[in-house]
């Protein structure tokens, strides 16, 4: 069943991200492993969307976690909550510019591990949805909450939301201490907190 396959995909993604974070902490290589994590988010997001497109007709539903989350194929021509519906190229341009800004922050400003991982997840999810908009003109959504009324969403949306929440925590708790000065220079003392304080060459 498609629901079982998607649950397996989520489990594999969670395990891989967990291993990536664990190895990143042990090897003090948060930037390297967060890039791999973002790439894997894109891969799983693309796979799940293709699976849904091949198994479910537009509007068709299937079980996933009864009473909690179900599957329903929806095409979203807009942004969140279908805002700006039909403004395909505007959304593509805005998303692309936003991703470029986040990539710049990721490589030039953010050093703390939480900030690095939060940006990587947002970028991975953003790229997944951007590919849909460029390739199809819409985003394939398929996850539908059954316990509350909420717009249908997809794998990429989950990681954009989680990454944004983590980024908010990072900004409130760690940004000022670790990364605020990186606007003027790449780091305070030539070290990179995202790699455990290892001095840069």
Protein backbone atom coordinates (compact mmCIF):
# COMPACT_ATOMS: atom_id res chain seq x y z
CA UNK A 1 0.00 0.00 0.00
CA UNK A 2 1.10 3.55 -0.71
CA UNK A 3 0.62 4.53 2.95
CA UNK A 4 3.00 1.80 4.15
CA UNK A 5 5.62 2.85 1.60
CA UNK A 6 5.45 6.49 2.64
CA UNK A 7 5.74 5.57 6.34
CA UNK A 8 8.83 3.53 5.46
CA UNK A 9 10.26 6.49 3.56
CA UNK A 10 9.69 8.78 6.56
CA UNK A 11 11.34 6.25 8.87
CA UNK A 12 14.39 5.97 6.59
CA UNK A 13 14.64 9.77 6.32
CA UNK A 14 14.40 10.16 10.11
CA UNK A 15 17.10 7.53 10.69
CA UNK A 16 19.45 9.08 8.13
CA UNK A 17 18.99 12.57 9.55
CA UNK A 18 19.52 11.22 13.06
CA UNK A 19 22.73 9.48 12.00
CA UNK A 20 23.90 12.59 10.16
CA UNK A 21 23.40 14.76 13.26
CA UNK A 22 25.12 12.16 15.45
CA UNK A 23 28.14 11.87 13.15
CA UNK A 24 28.25 15.65 12.79
CA UNK A 25 28.53 16.04 16.58
CA UNK A 26 31.14 13.30 16.90
CA UNK A 27 33.28 14.43 13.97
CA UNK A 28 32.58 18.16 14.47
CA UNK A 29 31.53 18.46 10.82
CA UNK A 30 28.07 19.99 11.06
CA UNK A 31 28.30 21.83 7.75
CA UNK A 32 29.27 18.74 5.74
CA UNK A 33 26.62 16.45 7.25
CA UNK A 34 23.91 19.13 7.15
CA UNK A 35 24.46 19.45 3.39
CA UNK A 36 24.00 15.69 3.07
CA UNK A 37 20.87 15.93 5.21
CA UNK A 38 19.42 18.67 2.99
CA UNK A 39 20.14 16.61 -0.13
CA UNK A 40 18.39 13.61 1.41
CA UNK A 41 15.34 15.75 2.26
CA UNK A 42 15.11 16.71 -1.42
CA UNK A 43 15.50 13.09 -2.55
CA UNK A 44 12.79 11.72 -0.24
CA UNK A 45 10.46 14.64 -0.99
CA UNK A 46 10.81 14.02 -4.74
CA UNK A 47 10.31 10.28 -4.33
CA UNK A 48 7.16 10.62 -2.21
CA UNK A 49 5.65 13.13 -4.65
CA UNK A 50 6.33 10.86 -7.62
CA UNK A 51 4.88 7.91 -5.71
CA UNK A 52 1.70 9.84 -4.91
CA UNK A 53 1.41 11.09 -8.50
CA UNK A 54 1.68 7.53 -9.81
CA UNK A 55 -0.66 5.90 -7.28
CA UNK A 56 -3.35 8.50 -6.58
CA UNK A 57 -5.52 10.50 -8.95
CA UNK A 58 -6.02 14.18 -8.24
CA UNK A 59 -8.32 14.44 -5.20
CA UNK A 60 -8.07 10.71 -4.40
CA UNK A 61 -7.41 9.67 -0.80
CA UNK A 62 -5.71 6.79 0.98
CA UNK A 63 -4.96 5.79 4.57
CA UNK A 64 -1.71 6.64 6.30
CA UNK A 65 -2.20 6.97 10.06
CA UNK A 66 -5.98 6.64 10.61
CA UNK A 67 -7.41 9.36 12.82
CA UNK A 68 -4.21 11.38 12.63
CA UNK A 69 -2.91 11.89 9.08
CA UNK A 70 -4.26 10.62 5.77
CA UNK A 71 -3.19 10.91 2.16
CA UNK A 72 -4.96 13.05 -0.40
CA UNK A 73 -3.42 14.23 -3.64
CA UNK A 74 -3.75 17.98 -4.09
CA UNK A 75 -2.11 20.38 -6.53
CA UNK A 76 -1.19 23.71 -4.94
CA UNK A 77 -0.76 26.48 -7.52
CA UNK A 78 0.04 29.07 -4.85
CA UNK A 79 2.12 29.45 -1.70
CA UNK A 80 1.05 28.52 1.85
CA UNK A 81 -2.74 28.24 2.23
CA UNK A 82 -2.90 28.66 -1.58
CA UNK A 83 -2.01 32.36 -1.33
CA UNK A 84 -0.82 33.95 -4.60
CA UNK A 85 -2.51 31.11 -6.45
CA UNK A 86 -1.60 31.17 -10.14
CA UNK A 87 1.40 33.48 -9.72
CA UNK A 88 3.79 30.73 -10.84
CA UNK A 89 6.76 32.78 -11.99
CA UNK A 90 6.50 35.26 -9.14
CA UNK A 91 6.61 32.37 -6.68
CA UNK A 92 9.55 30.79 -8.52
CA UNK A 93 11.51 34.05 -8.46
CA UNK A 94 10.71 34.82 -4.82
CA UNK A 95 11.58 31.26 -3.75
CA UNK A 96 14.82 31.23 -5.74
CA UNK A 97 15.91 34.59 -4.31
CA UNK A 98 15.00 33.45 -0.80
CA UNK A 99 17.02 30.25 -1.22
CA UNK A 100 20.02 32.23 -2.47
CA UNK A 101 19.85 34.52 0.57
CA UNK A 102 19.64 31.53 2.92
CA UNK A 103 22.55 29.84 1.15
CA UNK A 104 24.61 32.99 1.61
CA UNK A 105 23.71 33.11 5.32
CA UNK A 106 24.52 29.40 5.59
CA UNK A 107 28.03 29.73 4.15
CA UNK A 108 29.02 33.22 5.26
CA UNK A 109 27.24 34.16 8.48
CA UNK A 110 25.85 31.23 10.45
CA UNK A 111 28.38 29.15 12.39
CA UNK A 112 26.45 27.72 15.34
CA UNK A 113 25.33 24.08 14.75
CA UNK A 114 21.64 24.79 15.39
CA UNK A 115 21.66 27.62 12.88
CA UNK A 116 23.53 25.52 10.33
CA UNK A 117 21.05 22.61 10.58
CA UNK A 118 17.97 24.85 10.61
CA UNK A 119 19.03 26.59 7.40
CA UNK A 120 19.96 23.28 5.76
CA UNK A 121 16.48 21.87 6.42
CA UNK A 122 14.72 25.00 5.16
CA UNK A 123 16.90 25.03 2.03
CA UNK A 124 16.30 21.32 1.39
CA UNK A 125 12.53 21.72 1.70
CA UNK A 126 12.55 24.89 -0.36
CA UNK A 127 14.46 23.23 -3.17
CA UNK A 128 12.02 20.31 -3.18
CA UNK A 129 9.02 22.60 -3.71
CA UNK A 130 10.89 24.84 -6.16
CA UNK A 131 11.58 21.84 -8.40
CA UNK A 132 7.82 21.16 -8.50
CA UNK A 133 7.00 24.75 -9.44
CA UNK A 134 9.58 24.83 -12.23
CA UNK A 135 8.80 21.35 -13.57
CA UNK A 136 5.02 21.19 -13.12
CA UNK A 137 3.78 24.70 -12.41
CA UNK A 138 2.32 23.56 -9.08
CA UNK A 139 3.37 21.75 -5.90
CA UNK A 140 2.11 18.24 -5.16
CA UNK A 141 0.73 18.03 -1.61
CA UNK A 142 -0.49 14.80 -0.04
CA UNK A 143 -0.49 14.85 3.80
CA UNK A 144 -3.86 15.72 5.34
CA UNK A 145 -4.46 16.10 9.08
CA UNK A 146 -7.61 14.37 10.26
CA UNK A 147 -7.82 15.69 13.83
CA UNK A 148 -7.83 19.40 12.90
CA UNK A 149 -8.72 21.43 9.84
CA UNK A 150 -5.41 22.29 8.17
CA UNK A 151 -4.21 22.72 4.57
CA UNK A 152 -2.79 19.63 2.86
CA UNK A 153 1.02 19.69 2.90
CA UNK A 154 4.02 17.63 1.80
CA UNK A 155 7.39 16.33 2.99
CA UNK A 156 9.23 19.49 1.97
CA UNK A 157 6.77 21.62 3.96
CA UNK A 158 7.48 19.60 7.10
CA UNK A 159 11.19 20.36 6.95
CA UNK A 160 10.70 24.00 6.02
CA UNK A 161 8.48 24.36 9.10
CA UNK A 162 10.82 22.42 11.41
CA UNK A 163 13.83 24.31 10.08
CA UNK A 164 12.09 27.67 10.53
CA UNK A 165 11.15 26.78 14.13
CA UNK A 166 14.74 25.73 14.86
CA UNK A 167 16.00 28.92 13.21
CA UNK A 168 13.80 30.99 15.52
CA UNK A 169 15.28 29.25 18.58
CA UNK A 170 18.78 29.73 17.17
CA UNK A 171 18.19 33.44 16.56
CA UNK A 172 16.74 34.06 20.01
CA UNK A 173 19.30 32.01 21.99
CA UNK A 174 22.54 31.75 20.02
CA UNK A 175 22.77 34.25 17.18
CA UNK A 176 23.88 37.27 19.20
CA UNK A 177 26.53 35.31 21.09
CA UNK A 178 28.01 33.28 18.22
CA UNK A 179 27.25 34.85 14.87
CA UNK A 180 26.18 38.51 15.11
CA UNK A 181 29.70 39.78 14.43
CA UNK A 182 29.99 37.65 11.29
CA UNK A 183 28.24 40.42 9.36
CA UNK A 184 31.49 42.38 9.67
CA UNK A 185 33.95 39.52 9.57
CA UNK A 186 33.65 35.79 8.96
CA UNK A 187 34.20 34.90 12.62
CA UNK A 188 35.33 36.43 15.89
CA UNK A 189 38.63 34.64 16.25
CA UNK A 190 39.18 32.47 13.20
CA UNK A 191 37.27 29.52 14.62
CA UNK A 192 34.10 27.92 13.34
CA UNK A 193 31.61 27.01 16.12
CA UNK A 194 29.70 24.78 13.69
CA UNK A 195 32.79 22.55 13.62
CA UNK A 196 33.33 22.59 17.35
CA UNK A 197 35.61 25.63 17.44
CA UNK A 198 38.16 24.21 15.04
CA UNK A 199 40.43 26.97 13.80
CA UNK A 200 40.12 27.78 10.15
CA UNK A 201 43.18 27.76 7.92
